[in-house]
Amino acid sequence: MTQRSMFSSFVPSQCAALLLASALVVPAVAQTPSESPAPAAAAQQPSSTPPAAPAATTPTDKEGFWGHMMPFARKKWVKKRLDPINDRLTELDQVNAKNATDIKDVDARAQAGIQKAQSTADAANQTATAAGTQAQAASGIAQGASGHVDKLNTTVNGLDQYHQISDLEVPFRSGSTILSKDAKGQLDTLASSLAGHQGYIVEIEARAPGAGATGIQGSQRLAETVERYLVTEHQIPVYRMHYVALGNSPVVDPSADASAKPARIRKGTVHIRLMENSLAAPDSTSPHGM
C-alpha cells in the first residue's frame, strides 16, 4: 500500500472523530451560568450583602440551545406559522357548520314539501275513489232506468193487444128490443165476472133483419139496449164497452167453407166478446169465462 492510499483512508476516519468530539463538547458549552456551582460563589460573598436578584431570562434564553442553533424550532416561530392555519381551520369549521345547518333546513323544507304533496295526492286519490263510486252508482241507476224504460215501452206497445176471453150470444124476439129473462141472466153472469178487474173491454156486435137503413137502425137499438143494461144494473164503465150496428150483415164463420153462402138474418141478435189486455192489468186475474 502506498502512502497516498494510506493518507486517503486516514482522512475520512479523522473527520469522523472530529465530528464526534464536537458533538460531545457542545452540550457542556451550552450550559447557562445558572447551572455553574452556586454554593462556592455564595460562600465568597460577605453575609451582610443580600444576594443579587437573578437576571431576567429573555425569550431567547428560554428557547435554550436549540433555539439558538435552530430558529425554526422556536415556539414563537412555530406559533406564528400555525396561527393562520388555526384561523383558517376555525373558519372552515364555521363554514362546515353553516353548510350543515343549511342542509338540514333544506332537507326539512323538502320533507315538508314531500309530505304536503303526499297529502294532496292522498286527498286527490280519495276524491277520485269517491267519484268512481258515484259513477258506478250512477251507472247502476242508469241501467235500472233503462230497464224500466224498456219495460214501459213493451207495456205501451202492448196496450192495444187484446185477446178474447169469452163470448156469448144474446137473442131478441123478432121486432122487439126488450131483454128476455134468459138474456138478462147471461148479462148478469158476464158483469159478475168483471167485478174488480182491469184491462178489459166488451165488444158488442148487433144485427137486425131489414135491408139498408132499417136493419142498421134496428141493430143500433139492440146494441144500446144491452149497453144500457150493463151500465145501469152493473155499473160497467161506458169507456170499456164498444158497439157497432151491423144491420142485416150476415155472420161470417171462419171455419165454414168459403164457397158456402152466408145465412140471412131473420131475427135480432147481439154478439158480445170479452177481450183482455194482460199488460194493462198485470196484477189482476183474468175474468172468468162465460
Protein backbone atom coordinates (compact mmCIF):
# COMPACT_ATOMS: atom_id res chain seq x y z
CA MET A 1 0.00 0.00 0.00
CA THR A 2 1.41 3.39 -0.93
CA GLN A 3 1.47 6.47 1.28
CA ARG A 4 -1.07 8.18 -0.92
CA SER A 5 -3.60 5.42 -0.35
CA MET A 6 -2.93 5.35 3.36
CA PHE A 7 -3.49 9.11 3.60
CA SER A 8 -6.73 8.93 1.72
CA SER A 9 -8.05 6.25 4.08
CA PHE A 10 -6.96 8.17 7.15
CA VAL A 11 -8.63 11.47 6.29
CA PRO A 12 -12.25 10.24 6.48
CA SER A 13 -11.68 8.49 9.78
CA GLN A 14 -10.07 11.60 11.22
CA CYS A 15 -13.03 13.77 10.12
CA ALA A 16 -15.49 11.41 11.77
CA ALA A 17 -13.52 11.58 15.06
CA LEU A 18 -13.53 15.37 14.97
CA LEU A 19 -17.31 15.49 14.41
CA LEU A 20 -17.94 13.12 17.37
CA ALA A 21 -15.73 15.21 19.67
CA SER A 22 -17.54 18.42 18.74
CA ALA A 23 -20.89 16.81 19.47
CA LEU A 24 -19.70 15.90 22.99
CA VAL A 25 -18.25 19.31 23.72
CA VAL A 26 -21.31 21.38 22.54
CA PRO A 27 -23.67 20.37 25.40
CA ALA A 28 -21.06 21.31 28.02
CA VAL A 29 -20.57 24.73 26.44
CA ALA A 30 -24.36 25.27 26.14
CA GLN A 31 -24.86 25.20 29.89
CA THR A 32 -26.14 28.54 31.26
CA PRO A 33 -24.46 30.40 34.13
CA SER A 34 -27.31 29.30 36.42
CA GLU A 35 -26.02 25.76 36.05
CA SER A 36 -22.49 26.65 37.44
CA PRO A 37 -21.64 25.85 41.13
CA ALA A 38 -23.60 28.45 43.07
CA PRO A 39 -22.53 27.44 46.58
CA ALA A 40 -18.86 28.40 46.07
CA ALA A 41 -19.75 31.86 44.79
CA ALA A 42 -22.14 32.40 47.64
CA ALA A 43 -19.50 31.39 50.22
CA GLN A 44 -17.02 34.02 48.93
CA GLN A 45 -19.59 36.88 49.30
CA PRO A 46 -19.98 38.54 52.70
CA SER A 47 -23.05 37.50 54.64
CA SER A 48 -24.19 41.13 55.12
CA THR A 49 -24.65 41.70 51.40
CA PRO A 50 -28.03 40.44 50.13
CA PRO A 51 -27.88 38.06 47.24
CA ALA A 52 -28.29 39.60 43.88
CA ALA A 53 -31.61 39.03 42.11
CA PRO A 54 -31.42 36.52 39.34
CA ALA A 55 -31.17 38.04 35.96
CA ALA A 56 -34.38 38.03 34.00
CA THR A 57 -34.42 35.41 31.33
CA THR A 58 -35.19 36.56 27.89
CA PRO A 59 -37.32 34.65 25.49
CA THR A 60 -34.14 33.77 23.74
CA ASP A 61 -32.79 32.15 26.94
CA LYS A 62 -35.98 30.12 27.32
CA GLU A 63 -35.55 28.73 23.87
CA GLY A 64 -32.28 27.09 25.03
CA PHE A 65 -29.57 25.85 22.85
CA TRP A 66 -31.79 24.58 20.08
CA GLY A 67 -33.47 27.99 19.90
CA HIS A 68 -30.06 29.49 19.06
CA MET A 69 -28.92 26.74 16.81
CA MET A 70 -32.24 26.10 15.03
CA PRO A 71 -34.52 29.19 14.80
CA PHE A 72 -37.17 27.14 13.01
CA ALA A 73 -37.73 25.14 16.22
CA ARG A 74 -38.67 28.18 18.31
CA LYS A 75 -42.19 28.23 19.80
CA LYS A 76 -42.88 31.74 18.61
CA TRP A 77 -41.87 30.89 15.12
CA VAL A 78 -43.98 27.76 15.13
CA LYS A 79 -46.91 29.61 16.72
CA LYS A 80 -46.61 32.43 14.20
CA ARG A 81 -46.79 29.90 11.41
CA LEU A 82 -49.61 27.85 12.97
CA ASP A 83 -51.91 30.74 13.93
CA PRO A 84 -53.06 31.47 10.33
CA ILE A 85 -53.60 27.77 9.79
CA ASN A 86 -55.64 27.53 13.01
CA ASP A 87 -57.65 30.60 11.99
CA ARG A 88 -58.29 29.06 8.60
CA LEU A 89 -59.33 25.76 10.19
CA THR A 90 -61.70 27.64 12.53
CA GLU A 91 -63.19 29.47 9.55
CA LEU A 92 -63.60 26.15 7.72
CA ASP A 93 -65.31 24.65 10.78
CA GLN A 94 -67.72 27.60 10.84
CA VAL A 95 -68.42 27.22 7.14
CA ASN A 96 -68.99 23.49 7.56
CA ALA A 97 -71.33 24.13 10.50
CA LYS A 98 -73.27 26.69 8.43
CA ASN A 99 -73.44 24.30 5.48
CA ALA A 100 -74.70 21.53 7.77
CA THR A 101 -77.37 23.89 9.15
CA ASP A 102 -78.38 24.94 5.63
CA ILE A 103 -78.55 21.31 4.52
CA LYS A 104 -80.76 20.46 7.49
CA ASP A 105 -83.01 23.43 6.70
CA VAL A 106 -83.28 22.45 3.03
CA ASP A 107 -83.92 18.84 3.99
CA ALA A 108 -86.63 19.89 6.45
CA ARG A 109 -88.32 22.06 3.81
CA ALA A 110 -88.02 19.26 1.25
CA GLN A 111 -89.57 16.79 3.69
CA ALA A 112 -92.38 19.25 4.41
CA GLY A 113 -92.98 19.71 0.68
CA ILE A 114 -92.97 15.95 0.14
CA GLN A 115 -95.45 15.42 2.98
CA LYS A 116 -97.69 18.18 1.63
CA ALA A 117 -97.54 16.70 -1.88
CA GLN A 118 -98.30 13.25 -0.46
CA SER A 119 -101.26 14.64 1.49
CA THR A 120 -102.55 16.36 -1.65
CA ALA A 121 -102.10 13.15 -3.65
CA ASP A 122 -103.94 11.15 -0.97
CA ALA A 123 -106.80 13.67 -0.97
CA ALA A 124 -106.96 13.53 -4.77
CA ASN A 125 -106.96 9.73 -4.63
CA GLN A 126 -109.81 9.75 -2.13
CA THR A 127 -111.74 12.20 -4.31
CA ALA A 128 -111.14 10.02 -7.37
CA THR A 129 -112.28 6.92 -5.46
CA ALA A 130 -115.45 8.70 -4.31
CA ALA A 131 -116.08 9.91 -7.86
CA GLY A 132 -115.61 6.35 -9.16
CA THR A 133 -118.08 5.05 -6.59
CA GLN A 134 -120.60 7.72 -7.54
CA ALA A 135 -120.07 6.93 -11.22
CA GLN A 136 -120.72 3.24 -10.58
CA ALA A 137 -123.86 4.10 -8.62
CA ALA A 138 -124.99 6.42 -11.41
CA SER A 139 -124.31 3.67 -13.95
CA GLY A 140 -126.43 1.25 -11.90
CA ILE A 141 -129.24 3.79 -11.68
CA ALA A 142 -128.99 4.44 -15.43
CA GLN A 143 -129.14 0.72 -16.17
CA GLY A 144 -132.15 0.35 -13.88
CA ALA A 145 -133.84 3.31 -15.56
CA SER A 146 -133.07 1.82 -18.96
CA GLY A 147 -134.66 -1.46 -17.85
CA HIS A 148 -137.75 0.41 -16.62
CA VAL A 149 -137.94 2.32 -19.89
CA ASP A 150 -137.71 -0.91 -21.90
CA LYS A 151 -140.40 -2.45 -19.77
CA LEU A 152 -142.58 0.64 -20.17
CA ASN A 153 -142.06 0.62 -23.92
CA THR A 154 -143.08 -3.03 -24.02
CA THR A 155 -146.16 -2.21 -21.95
CA VAL A 156 -147.10 0.76 -24.11
CA ASN A 157 -146.58 -1.19 -27.30
CA GLY A 158 -148.79 -3.95 -25.97
CA LEU A 159 -151.62 -1.75 -24.70
CA ASP A 160 -153.63 -2.32 -27.84
CA GLN A 161 -153.02 -6.06 -27.88
CA TYR A 162 -156.17 -7.79 -26.63
CA HIS A 163 -157.12 -11.42 -26.72
CA GLN A 164 -160.57 -12.94 -26.38
CA ILE A 165 -161.55 -14.43 -23.04
CA SER A 166 -165.12 -15.46 -23.77
CA ASP A 167 -168.16 -14.61 -25.89
CA LEU A 168 -171.95 -15.03 -25.72
CA GLU A 169 -174.99 -14.57 -27.92
CA VAL A 170 -177.96 -12.57 -26.59
CA PRO A 171 -181.11 -13.33 -28.64
CA PHE A 172 -184.11 -10.99 -29.07
CA ARG A 173 -187.67 -11.75 -30.16
CA SER A 174 -188.49 -10.66 -33.67
CA GLY A 175 -189.29 -6.96 -33.84
CA SER A 176 -188.60 -6.45 -30.08
CA THR A 177 -185.79 -4.56 -28.29
CA ILE A 178 -186.72 -5.84 -24.81
CA LEU A 179 -184.32 -8.16 -23.00
CA SER A 180 -185.74 -11.51 -22.04
CA LYS A 181 -185.17 -13.14 -18.67
CA ASP A 182 -182.59 -15.50 -20.16
CA ALA A 183 -180.78 -12.59 -21.85
CA LYS A 184 -180.62 -10.67 -18.57
CA GLY A 185 -179.22 -13.77 -16.81
CA GLN A 186 -176.43 -14.01 -19.37
CA LEU A 187 -175.57 -10.34 -18.95
CA ASP A 188 -175.62 -10.70 -15.14
CA THR A 189 -173.11 -13.55 -15.34
CA LEU A 190 -170.87 -11.51 -17.61
CA ALA A 191 -170.97 -8.48 -15.28
CA SER A 192 -170.20 -10.54 -12.15
CA SER A 193 -167.06 -11.94 -13.77
CA LEU A 194 -165.80 -8.41 -14.43
CA ALA A 195 -166.06 -7.12 -10.85
CA GLY A 196 -162.69 -5.85 -9.57
CA HIS A 197 -160.82 -6.46 -12.82
CA GLN A 198 -158.91 -4.09 -15.08
CA GLY A 199 -157.58 -4.18 -18.61
CA TYR A 200 -160.69 -5.49 -20.37
CA ILE A 201 -163.16 -4.24 -22.95
CA VAL A 202 -166.59 -5.51 -24.03
CA GLU A 203 -167.20 -5.69 -27.79
CA ILE A 204 -170.86 -5.61 -28.87
CA GLU A 205 -171.95 -6.52 -32.39
CA ALA A 206 -175.69 -6.07 -33.08
CA ARG A 207 -177.64 -7.37 -36.12
CA ALA A 208 -181.27 -6.98 -37.08
CA PRO A 209 -183.39 -8.08 -40.07
CA GLY A 210 -184.26 -5.47 -42.66
CA ALA A 211 -182.41 -4.04 -45.57
CA GLY A 212 -180.49 -0.82 -45.62
CA ALA A 213 -181.19 1.82 -43.00
CA THR A 214 -183.97 -0.22 -41.45
CA GLY A 215 -181.65 -3.03 -40.45
CA ILE A 216 -178.95 -0.60 -39.23
CA GLN A 217 -181.38 1.36 -37.04
CA GLY A 218 -182.86 -1.86 -35.62
CA SER A 219 -179.39 -3.29 -34.77
CA GLN A 220 -178.36 0.01 -33.18
CA ARG A 221 -181.36 -0.08 -30.84
CA LEU A 222 -180.47 -3.64 -29.78
CA ALA A 223 -176.83 -2.71 -29.02
CA GLU A 224 -177.93 0.32 -27.00
CA THR A 225 -180.34 -1.87 -25.01
CA VAL A 226 -177.51 -4.25 -23.97
CA GLU A 227 -175.12 -1.42 -23.17
CA ARG A 228 -177.75 0.45 -21.15
CA TYR A 229 -178.46 -2.64 -19.03
CA LEU A 230 -174.77 -3.23 -18.18
CA VAL A 231 -174.27 0.42 -17.21
CA THR A 232 -177.43 0.89 -15.12
CA GLU A 233 -177.59 -2.53 -13.47
CA HIS A 234 -173.89 -3.42 -13.04
CA GLN A 235 -172.03 -0.08 -13.32
CA ILE A 236 -169.79 -1.26 -16.11
CA PRO A 237 -167.83 1.82 -17.31
CA VAL A 238 -169.05 3.13 -20.64
CA TYR A 239 -165.48 3.54 -21.92
CA ARG A 240 -164.98 -0.22 -21.58
CA MET A 241 -167.86 -1.02 -23.98
CA HIS A 242 -167.80 -0.55 -27.73
CA TYR A 243 -170.66 -1.46 -30.02
CA VAL A 244 -171.28 -1.49 -33.73
CA ALA A 245 -174.66 -1.73 -35.53
CA LEU A 246 -174.20 -4.10 -38.47
CA GLY A 247 -177.81 -4.13 -39.74
CA ASN A 248 -178.61 -7.33 -41.60
CA SER A 249 -174.93 -8.08 -42.38
CA PRO A 250 -174.56 -11.88 -42.28
CA VAL A 251 -172.29 -13.57 -39.78
CA VAL A 252 -169.13 -14.99 -41.40
CA ASP A 253 -167.98 -18.27 -39.93
CA PRO A 254 -164.19 -18.60 -40.41
CA SER A 255 -164.39 -22.39 -40.15
CA ALA A 256 -167.13 -22.67 -42.84
CA ASP A 257 -166.48 -23.34 -46.50
CA ALA A 258 -165.58 -20.16 -48.34
CA SER A 259 -167.90 -21.10 -51.21
CA ALA A 260 -170.92 -21.53 -48.89
CA LYS A 261 -173.48 -18.72 -48.92
CA PRO A 262 -173.88 -16.91 -45.55
CA ALA A 263 -177.22 -17.33 -43.79
CA ARG A 264 -179.68 -14.44 -43.82
CA ILE A 265 -180.50 -12.54 -40.59
CA ARG A 266 -184.06 -13.47 -39.59
CA LYS A 267 -184.16 -12.08 -36.00
CA GLY A 268 -182.26 -9.56 -33.92
CA THR A 269 -179.17 -10.81 -32.06
CA VAL A 270 -176.34 -9.23 -30.07
CA HIS A 271 -172.96 -10.95 -30.05
CA ILE A 272 -170.73 -9.98 -27.06
CA ARG A 273 -166.97 -10.67 -26.83
CA LEU A 274 -164.97 -10.17 -23.63
CA MET A 275 -161.42 -9.01 -24.52
CA GLU A 276 -158.50 -8.68 -22.11
CA ASN A 277 -155.10 -6.97 -22.20
CA SER A 278 -152.83 -8.71 -19.65
CA LEU A 279 -150.14 -5.98 -19.93
CA ALA A 280 -152.64 -3.27 -18.94
CA ALA A 281 -153.68 -5.26 -15.85
CA PRO A 282 -150.64 -7.38 -14.76
CA ASP A 283 -151.74 -7.57 -11.10
CA SER A 284 -155.31 -8.71 -11.71
CA THR A 285 -156.61 -12.12 -12.64
CA SER A 286 -158.46 -12.77 -15.83
CA PRO A 287 -162.27 -12.60 -15.75
CA HIS A 288 -163.99 -15.97 -15.62
CA GLY A 289 -165.20 -17.36 -18.87
CA MET A 290 -168.91 -17.47 -19.60
